[in-house]
Protein backbone atom coordinates (compact mmCIF):
# COMPACT_ATOMS: atom_id res chain seq x y z
CA MET A 1 256.30 136.43 196.76
CA THR A 2 254.51 133.10 196.81
CA ASP A 3 251.23 134.75 197.58
CA ILE A 4 251.62 137.07 194.60
CA LEU A 5 252.31 134.17 192.29
CA ALA A 6 249.30 132.27 193.57
CA ASP A 7 247.09 135.24 192.61
CA THR A 8 244.83 134.18 189.68
CA ALA A 9 245.25 137.55 188.02
CA VAL A 10 248.98 137.43 188.23
CA GLN A 11 249.02 133.95 186.78
CA GLN A 12 246.88 135.05 183.83
CA VAL A 13 249.24 137.98 183.16
CA LEU A 14 252.31 135.67 183.32
CA SER A 15 250.79 133.05 181.00
CA ARG A 16 249.76 135.67 178.48
CA SER A 17 253.16 137.33 178.57
CA ILE A 18 254.85 133.97 178.03
CA LEU A 19 252.57 133.22 175.20
CA LEU A 20 253.08 136.59 173.63
CA ALA A 21 256.88 136.06 173.76
CA GLY A 22 256.40 132.62 172.18
CA LEU A 23 254.52 134.19 169.35
CA VAL A 24 257.26 136.76 168.76
CA ILE A 25 259.91 134.05 168.68
CA ALA A 26 257.81 132.02 166.24
CA ARG A 27 258.07 134.93 163.86
CA LEU A 28 261.73 135.66 164.39
CA MET A 29 263.10 132.15 164.18
CA PRO A 30 262.35 131.56 160.52
CA VAL A 31 263.69 134.97 159.69
CA VAL A 32 267.02 134.11 161.44
CA MET A 33 267.18 130.60 159.87
CA LEU A 34 266.58 131.75 156.32
CA ALA A 35 268.40 135.06 156.07
CA PRO A 36 272.00 134.31 154.94
CA PHE A 37 273.44 137.41 156.59
CA LEU A 38 271.89 136.45 159.90
CA GLY A 39 273.63 133.03 159.89
CA GLY A 40 271.46 130.97 157.69
CA LYS A 41 272.35 127.35 157.68
CA ALA A 42 275.95 128.00 158.69
CA ALA A 43 275.34 129.18 162.27
CA PRO A 44 274.79 126.58 165.02
CA ALA A 45 271.31 126.12 166.29
CA GLN A 46 272.31 127.62 169.69
CA VAL A 47 273.54 130.81 168.00
CA LYS A 48 270.41 131.26 165.89
CA LEU A 49 268.27 130.65 168.96
CA GLY A 50 270.27 133.19 170.94
CA LEU A 51 269.94 135.77 168.10
CA ALA A 52 266.19 135.20 167.97
CA LEU A 53 265.87 135.60 171.79
CA THR A 54 267.96 138.86 171.58
CA LEU A 55 265.62 140.27 168.92
CA THR A 56 262.66 139.14 170.95
CA VAL A 57 263.94 141.05 173.97
CA LEU A 58 264.34 144.21 171.80
CA VAL A 59 260.84 144.07 170.19
CA TYR A 60 258.93 142.62 173.08
CA PRO A 61 258.24 145.92 174.91
CA ALA A 62 256.66 147.46 171.78
CA VAL A 63 254.52 144.39 171.21
CA TRP A 64 253.50 144.27 174.87
CA ASN A 65 252.48 147.92 174.85
CA ALA A 66 250.41 147.57 171.72
CA PRO A 67 246.66 148.22 172.48
CA GLY A 68 244.82 144.98 173.35
CA SER A 69 247.82 142.77 172.79
CA VAL A 70 247.70 141.00 176.17
CA ALA A 71 243.94 140.92 176.68
CA ALA A 72 243.51 139.40 173.17
CA LEU A 73 245.46 136.34 174.11
CA ASP A 74 242.72 135.09 176.50
CA VAL A 75 241.69 132.48 173.99
CA GLY A 76 241.51 128.74 173.68
CA PRO A 77 244.25 126.36 172.51
CA LEU A 78 242.84 126.08 168.99
CA VAL A 79 243.16 129.78 168.44
CA ILE A 80 246.63 129.81 169.99
CA THR A 81 247.81 127.09 167.62
CA GLY A 82 246.48 129.04 164.73
CA LEU A 83 248.30 132.14 165.89
CA VAL A 84 251.56 130.15 166.19
CA PHE A 85 251.21 128.92 162.55
CA LYS A 86 250.39 132.41 161.42
CA GLU A 87 253.58 133.75 162.99
CA LEU A 88 255.66 130.94 161.49
CA ALA A 89 254.16 131.82 158.01
CA VAL A 90 254.89 135.56 158.44
CA GLY A 91 258.42 134.84 159.53
CA ALA A 92 259.07 132.39 156.78
CA THR A 93 257.78 134.94 154.26
CA LEU A 94 260.11 137.66 155.63
CA GLY A 95 263.04 135.22 155.66
CA PHE A 96 262.32 134.15 152.11
CA ILE A 97 262.37 137.73 150.95
CA ALA A 98 265.58 138.34 152.73
CA ALA A 99 267.30 135.41 151.04
CA LEU A 100 266.00 136.21 147.54
CA VAL A 101 268.53 138.97 146.72
CA PHE A 102 271.42 136.73 147.81
CA ASP A 103 269.97 133.84 145.78
CA ALA A 104 270.00 136.28 142.86
CA ALA A 105 273.72 136.81 143.42
CA ARG A 106 274.24 133.08 143.50
CA MET A 107 272.30 132.66 140.28
CA ALA A 108 274.32 135.40 138.69
CA GLY A 109 277.58 133.68 139.62
CA ARG A 110 276.25 130.46 138.16
CA LEU A 111 275.31 132.16 134.95
CA ILE A 112 278.84 133.74 134.80
CA ASP A 113 280.62 130.46 135.31
CA THR A 114 278.36 128.60 132.77
CA THR A 115 279.17 131.32 130.21
CA ARG A 116 282.86 131.26 130.79
CA GLY A 117 283.02 127.42 130.83
CA ALA A 118 283.86 126.98 134.52
CA SER A 119 280.59 125.62 135.77
CA LYS A 120 282.22 122.37 137.00
CA SER A 121 284.48 124.24 139.43
CA MET A 122 282.66 124.15 142.71
CA SER A 123 283.30 125.31 146.29
CA MET A 124 281.48 125.22 149.50
CA VAL A 125 279.25 128.17 150.71
CA PRO A 126 278.93 127.93 154.49
CA GLU A 127 275.62 130.00 154.50
CA LEU A 128 273.97 127.41 152.26
CA LYS A 129 275.86 124.31 153.31
CA THR A 130 276.03 123.33 149.66
CA ARG A 131 278.54 123.48 146.77
CA VAL A 132 278.20 126.22 144.25
CA THR A 133 280.38 127.63 141.49
CA THR A 134 283.38 129.75 142.36
CA SER A 135 281.84 133.00 140.91
CA ALA A 136 278.58 132.37 142.81
CA ASN A 137 280.53 131.88 146.03
CA LEU A 138 282.65 135.01 145.44
CA LEU A 139 279.62 137.21 144.71
CA MET A 140 277.61 135.90 147.60
CA GLN A 141 280.38 136.36 150.21
CA PHE A 142 281.33 139.73 148.88
CA PHE A 143 277.78 141.00 148.85
CA ILE A 144 277.21 139.80 152.43
CA VAL A 145 280.19 141.70 153.54
CA MET A 146 279.13 144.91 151.66
CA PHE A 147 275.59 144.42 152.91
CA PHE A 148 276.78 144.67 156.56
CA LEU A 149 279.27 147.54 155.80
CA THR A 150 276.50 149.65 154.27
CA GLY A 151 273.98 148.95 157.01
CA GLY A 152 271.65 146.94 154.90
CA HIS A 153 270.94 144.63 157.82
CA ARG A 154 269.46 147.54 159.74
CA VAL A 155 267.04 148.32 156.92
CA PHE A 156 265.86 144.66 156.97
CA LEU A 157 265.62 144.49 160.72
CA ARG A 158 263.58 147.67 160.73
CA ALA A 159 261.18 146.09 158.27
CA VAL A 160 260.82 143.01 160.47
CA MET A 161 260.16 145.15 163.55
CA LEU A 162 257.61 147.26 161.79
CA SER A 163 255.89 143.99 160.66
CA PHE A 164 254.90 143.50 164.30
CA GLU A 165 253.14 146.85 164.11
CA ARG A 166 251.41 146.05 160.76
CA ILE A 167 250.60 142.40 161.65
CA PRO A 168 250.34 142.17 165.40
CA PRO A 169 251.01 138.65 166.86
CA HIS A 170 247.70 138.57 168.71
CA THR A 171 245.51 139.03 165.66
CA PHE A 172 244.84 137.20 162.43
CA PRO A 173 245.37 139.17 159.18
CA GLU A 174 242.46 140.03 157.07
CA LEU A 175 243.03 138.27 153.74
CA SER A 176 239.64 138.46 152.23
CA GLY A 177 239.83 140.51 149.03
CA ARG A 178 243.62 140.85 149.45
CA GLY A 179 244.85 137.48 148.31
CA ALA A 180 245.51 138.65 144.69
CA ALA A 181 247.60 141.52 145.88
CA LEU A 182 249.59 139.29 148.24
CA THR A 183 250.20 136.75 145.52
CA PHE A 184 251.22 139.48 143.02
CA ALA A 185 253.66 140.99 145.55
CA LEU A 186 255.36 137.68 146.27
CA ALA A 187 255.58 136.93 142.52
CA ARG A 188 257.05 140.39 141.99
CA PHE A 189 259.78 139.61 144.54
CA VAL A 190 260.77 136.41 142.69
CA ALA A 191 260.60 138.20 139.30
CA ASP A 192 262.83 140.99 140.53
CA ALA A 193 265.40 138.53 141.95
CA ILE A 194 265.59 136.80 138.51
CA GLU A 195 265.96 140.14 136.86
CA LEU A 196 268.72 141.16 139.29
CA ALA A 197 270.53 137.86 138.58
CA VAL A 198 270.56 138.54 134.87
CA LEU A 199 271.64 142.16 135.38
CA LEU A 200 274.56 141.14 137.59
CA ALA A 201 275.69 138.53 135.14
CA PHE A 202 275.19 140.78 132.04
CA PRO A 203 278.67 142.43 132.02
CA VAL A 204 280.44 139.10 131.83
CA ILE A 205 277.87 137.58 129.40
CA ALA A 206 278.31 140.57 127.09
CA ALA A 207 282.10 140.47 127.26
CA LEU A 208 282.13 136.81 126.56
CA LEU A 209 279.76 137.17 123.65
CA LEU A 210 282.19 139.67 122.08
CA THR A 211 285.07 137.29 122.77
CA ASN A 212 283.12 134.52 120.92
CA VAL A 213 282.58 136.83 118.00
CA PHE A 214 286.33 137.68 117.96
CA LEU A 215 287.23 133.98 118.10
CA ALA A 216 284.88 133.31 115.24
CA LEU A 217 286.54 135.92 113.16
CA VAL A 218 289.97 134.49 113.97
CA ASN A 219 288.81 131.04 112.99
CA LYS A 220 287.47 132.42 109.79
CA ALA A 221 290.75 134.15 108.96
CA ALA A 222 293.06 131.28 110.09
CA PRO A 223 291.14 128.01 110.08
CA GLN A 224 294.31 126.19 111.17
CA ILE A 225 294.13 127.80 114.60
CA ASN A 226 292.21 125.66 117.03
CA VAL A 227 290.10 128.44 118.55
CA PHE A 228 288.02 126.02 120.73
CA PHE A 229 291.01 125.09 122.98
CA LEU A 230 292.38 128.67 122.64
CA GLY A 231 289.11 130.14 123.75
CA MET A 232 288.59 128.10 126.95
CA PRO A 233 291.37 129.71 129.07
CA LEU A 234 290.81 133.06 127.31
CA LYS A 235 287.13 133.14 128.20
CA ALA A 236 287.80 131.97 131.79
CA MET A 237 290.40 134.71 132.30
CA ILE A 238 288.20 137.46 130.69
CA GLY A 239 285.25 136.45 132.88
CA VAL A 240 287.38 136.90 136.01
CA ILE A 241 288.78 140.21 134.86
CA VAL A 242 285.32 141.65 134.02
CA VAL A 243 283.85 140.51 137.37
CA LEU A 244 286.64 142.24 139.25
CA LEU A 245 286.40 145.41 137.18
CA ALA A 246 282.56 145.44 137.51
CA LEU A 247 282.42 144.80 141.35
CA GLY A 248 281.78 148.51 142.03
CA PRO A 249 278.65 148.92 139.84
CA LEU A 250 277.50 145.38 140.64
CA THR A 251 277.66 146.18 144.28
CA THR A 252 275.69 149.39 143.89
CA ARG A 253 273.02 147.56 141.85
CA PHE A 254 272.77 144.81 144.39
CA LEU A 255 272.46 147.08 147.34
CA SER A 256 269.81 149.24 145.59
CA SER A 257 267.85 146.10 144.77
CA ALA A 258 268.13 144.82 148.32
CA SER A 259 266.96 148.20 149.70
CA ASP A 260 263.96 148.34 147.34
CA ALA A 261 263.06 144.71 148.24
CA TYR A 262 263.13 145.34 151.95
CA GLY A 263 261.24 148.58 151.58
CA ARG A 264 258.55 146.81 149.61
CA THR A 265 258.27 144.28 152.41
CA LEU A 266 256.26 146.97 154.34
CA GLU A 267 253.86 147.12 151.30
CA LEU A 268 253.45 143.33 151.66
CA THR A 269 252.54 143.68 155.34
CA ASP A 270 250.17 146.59 154.38
CA SER A 271 248.31 144.18 152.08
CA VAL A 272 247.38 141.95 155.01
CA ASP A 273 247.02 144.68 157.70
CA PRO A 274 243.55 144.30 159.19
CA GLU A 275 243.28 148.03 159.60
CA ALA A 276 244.38 148.83 156.10
CA PRO A 277 241.74 150.48 153.90
């Protein structure tokens, strides 16, 4: 056994295999750290590291069997450092995309609570380790549960695994002439998240707008009624009722947007695929 390990060829294979595993982990760690449904900031570091190692074990055989993946790692330390930073950037981009739809839910909850006058009511979100409004917390936690129940995590993990095929760890992506497409794709993800936040909050905003119109008519007909203090608990109650009644359509819209976003992740990797036309 010692003689085998002392063999130069065996040592080269071992060093390249360890380097390849390190590159895979470098891509998966930012994904695990940024995606709320994979733990986000709430999970301990040991759990996130264990999850990243588990995903590495699952994807490593496919990466190892890719043509030229091992031989291409016979490079100097400067190139290796560049590959590590490239993997971190790819993983951070995938994790950013994964978190955007849930940030949209959080923004929608904030819009809802601002409209119904309950923006000062805050609660802790474990996935973010920060305090947000109650509706934002409700929508985010509810959508995370529904995301798992409908298998949305499998769609995203499939996109992550396919990213190793589109952007292999041992190569640098070809960005010449594709920078504009990449920038547009990332901007589109952000714009779609803002649009989703507005659409999720729209039923409550519309209901409260009609409530304000009704209160204005009441104030016009009976000026002696203090509609300001009357409207505060009324708008808060209507906001909660509308959110509960609209959870079904809101969930459908959220899951559809999440599926579209994760599907377009493959389009994003295509834009930097060195073999893409």
